[in-house]
Amino acid sequence: MLNTLIVGASGYAGAELVTYINRHPHMNITALT
């Protein structure tokens, strides 16, 4: 499992990245900024 931190999640690109990582079987979102 790969833990990830997403910087700029409030913008459009960040929101799309959150959606993509949420569906990925080997990635886990640990923090959003």
PDB file of N, CA and C in Angstrom:
ATOM      1  N   MET A   1       0.856  -1.180   0.000  1.00  0.00           N
ATOM      2  CA  MET A   1       0.000   0.000   0.000  1.00  0.00           C
ATOM      3  C   MET A   1       0.897   1.236   0.000  1.00  0.00           C
ATOM      4  N   LEU A   2       0.624   2.154  -0.886  1.00  0.00           N
ATOM      5  CA  LEU A   2       1.379   3.405  -0.996  1.00  0.00           C
ATOM      6  C   LEU A   2       0.552   4.531  -0.387  1.00  0.00           C
ATOM      7  N   ASN A   3       1.061   5.130   0.694  1.00  0.00           N
ATOM      8  CA  ASN A   3       0.375   6.250   1.333  1.00  0.00           C
ATOM      9  C   ASN A   3       0.681   7.528   0.569  1.00  0.00           C
ATOM     10  N   THR A   4      -0.337   8.346   0.334  1.00  0.00           N
ATOM     11  CA  THR A   4      -0.164   9.561  -0.456  1.00  0.00           C
ATOM     12  C   THR A   4      -0.686  10.785   0.287  1.00  0.00           C
ATOM     13  N   LEU A   5      -0.086  11.916  -0.025  1.00  0.00           N
ATOM     14  CA  LEU A   5      -0.504  13.227   0.458  1.00  0.00           C
ATOM     15  C   LEU A   5      -0.794  14.060  -0.782  1.00  0.00           C
ATOM     16  N   ILE A   6      -1.970  14.664  -0.852  1.00  0.00           N
ATOM     17  CA  ILE A   6      -2.335  15.468  -2.014  1.00  0.00           C
ATOM     18  C   ILE A   6      -2.352  16.935  -1.608  1.00  0.00           C
ATOM     19  N   VAL A   7      -1.498  17.714  -2.257  1.00  0.00           N
ATOM     20  CA  VAL A   7      -1.414  19.152  -2.014  1.00  0.00           C
ATOM     21  C   VAL A   7      -2.253  19.849  -3.075  1.00  0.00           C
ATOM     22  N   GLY A   8      -3.152  20.728  -2.660  1.00  0.00           N
ATOM     23  CA  GLY A   8      -4.003  21.452  -3.599  1.00  0.00           C
ATOM     24  C   GLY A   8      -5.253  20.680  -3.980  1.00  0.00           C
ATOM     25  N   ALA A   9      -5.773  19.895  -3.057  1.00  0.00           N
ATOM     26  CA  ALA A   9      -6.928  19.054  -3.352  1.00  0.00           C
ATOM     27  C   ALA A   9      -8.218  19.851  -3.539  1.00  0.00           C
ATOM     28  N   SER A  10      -8.218  21.133  -3.208  1.00  0.00           N
ATOM     29  CA  SER A  10      -9.438  21.929  -3.356  1.00  0.00           C
ATOM     30  C   SER A  10      -9.646  22.403  -4.788  1.00  0.00           C
ATOM     31  N   GLY A  11      -8.623  22.335  -5.608  1.00  0.00           N
ATOM     32  CA  GLY A  11      -8.745  22.739  -7.012  1.00  0.00           C
ATOM     33  C   GLY A  11      -9.275  21.606  -7.877  1.00  0.00           C
ATOM     34  N   TYR A  12      -9.489  21.905  -9.153  1.00  0.00           N
ATOM     35  CA  TYR A  12     -10.051  20.912 -10.070  1.00  0.00           C
ATOM     36  C   TYR A  12      -9.112  19.726 -10.252  1.00  0.00           C
ATOM     37  N   ALA A  13      -7.837  19.988 -10.522  1.00  0.00           N
ATOM     38  CA  ALA A  13      -6.874  18.902 -10.743  1.00  0.00           C
ATOM     39  C   ALA A  13      -6.714  18.059  -9.483  1.00  0.00           C
ATOM     40  N   GLY A  14      -6.688  18.703  -8.334  1.00  0.00           N
ATOM     41  CA  GLY A  14      -6.579  17.967  -7.078  1.00  0.00           C
ATOM     42  C   GLY A  14      -7.778  17.075  -6.829  1.00  0.00           C
ATOM     43  N   ALA A  15      -8.963  17.582  -7.141  1.00  0.00           N
ATOM     44  CA  ALA A  15     -10.180  16.786  -6.966  1.00  0.00           C
ATOM     45  C   ALA A  15     -10.181  15.580  -7.895  1.00  0.00           C
ATOM     46  N   GLU A  16      -9.713  15.763  -9.120  1.00  0.00           N
ATOM     47  CA  GLU A  16      -9.619  14.638 -10.056  1.00  0.00           C
ATOM     48  C   GLU A  16      -8.599  13.614  -9.569  1.00  0.00           C
ATOM     49  N   LEU A  17      -7.500  14.092  -9.012  1.00  0.00           N
ATOM     50  CA  LEU A  17      -6.477  13.194  -8.480  1.00  0.00           C
ATOM     51  C   LEU A  17      -7.014  12.398  -7.295  1.00  0.00           C
ATOM     52  N   VAL A  18      -7.789  13.030  -6.435  1.00  0.00           N
ATOM     53  CA  VAL A  18      -8.410  12.328  -5.306  1.00  0.00           C
ATOM     54  C   VAL A  18      -9.308  11.213  -5.823  1.00  0.00           C
ATOM     55  N   THR A  19     -10.102  11.496  -6.838  1.00  0.00           N
ATOM     56  CA  THR A  19     -10.990  10.490  -7.417  1.00  0.00           C
ATOM     57  C   THR A  19     -10.199   9.316  -7.975  1.00  0.00           C
ATOM     58  N   TYR A  20      -9.124   9.607  -8.704  1.00  0.00           N
ATOM     59  CA  TYR A  20      -8.296   8.564  -9.303  1.00  0.00           C
ATOM     60  C   TYR A  20      -7.625   7.700  -8.234  1.00  0.00           C
ATOM     61  N   ILE A  21      -7.040   8.345  -7.233  1.00  0.00           N
ATOM     62  CA  ILE A  21      -6.323   7.601  -6.194  1.00  0.00           C
ATOM     63  C   ILE A  21      -7.294   6.803  -5.330  1.00  0.00           C
ATOM     64  N   ASN A  22      -8.479   7.327  -5.109  1.00  0.00           N
ATOM     65  CA  ASN A  22      -9.491   6.612  -4.324  1.00  0.00           C
ATOM     66  C   ASN A  22      -9.852   5.279  -4.963  1.00  0.00           C
ATOM     67  N   ARG A  23      -9.828   5.213  -6.287  1.00  0.00           N
ATOM     68  CA  ARG A  23     -10.175   3.979  -6.999  1.00  0.00           C
ATOM     69  C   ARG A  23      -8.991   3.037  -7.168  1.00  0.00           C
ATOM     70  N   HIS A  24      -7.777   3.519  -6.902  1.00  0.00           N
ATOM     71  CA  HIS A  24      -6.583   2.700  -7.110  1.00  0.00           C
ATOM     72  C   HIS A  24      -6.455   1.670  -5.986  1.00  0.00           C
ATOM     73  N   PRO A  25      -6.240   0.401  -6.319  1.00  0.00           N
ATOM     74  CA  PRO A  25      -6.224  -0.638  -5.280  1.00  0.00           C
ATOM     75  C   PRO A  25      -4.988  -0.616  -4.376  1.00  0.00           C
ATOM     76  N   HIS A  26      -3.902   0.043  -4.787  1.00  0.00           N
ATOM     77  CA  HIS A  26      -2.664   0.004  -4.008  1.00  0.00           C
ATOM     78  C   HIS A  26      -2.256   1.369  -3.455  1.00  0.00           C
ATOM     79  N   MET A  27      -3.166   2.350  -3.472  1.00  0.00           N
ATOM     80  CA  MET A  27      -2.839   3.680  -2.957  1.00  0.00           C
ATOM     81  C   MET A  27      -3.842   4.075  -1.883  1.00  0.00           C
ATOM     82  N   ASN A  28      -3.348   4.761  -0.865  1.00  0.00           N
ATOM     83  CA  ASN A  28      -4.164   5.194   0.256  1.00  0.00           C
ATOM     84  C   ASN A  28      -3.922   6.686   0.487  1.00  0.00           C
ATOM     85  N   ILE A  29      -4.983   7.475   0.561  1.00  0.00           N
ATOM     86  CA  ILE A  29      -4.852   8.911   0.819  1.00  0.00           C
ATOM     87  C   ILE A  29      -4.728   9.116   2.326  1.00  0.00           C
ATOM     88  N   THR A  30      -3.611   9.722   2.741  1.00  0.00           N
ATOM     89  CA  THR A  30      -3.395   9.956   4.171  1.00  0.00           C
ATOM     90  C   THR A  30      -3.703  11.389   4.578  1.00  0.00           C
ATOM     91  N   ALA A  31      -3.549  12.351   3.649  1.00  0.00           N
ATOM     92  CA  ALA A  31      -3.807  13.750   3.988  1.00  0.00           C
ATOM     93  C   ALA A  31      -4.142  14.539   2.729  1.00  0.00           C
ATOM     94  N   LEU A  32      -4.970  15.566   2.918  1.00  0.00           N
ATOM     95  CA  LEU A  32      -5.333  16.499   1.843  1.00  0.00           C
ATOM     96  C   LEU A  32      -5.057  17.912   2.332  1.00  0.00           C
ATOM     97  N   THR A  33      -4.498  18.741   1.448  1.00  0.00           N
ATOM     98  CA  THR A  33      -4.287  20.143   1.819  1.00  0.00           C
ATOM     99  C   THR A  33      -4.852  21.032   0.741  1.00  0.00           C
TER     100      THR A  33
END
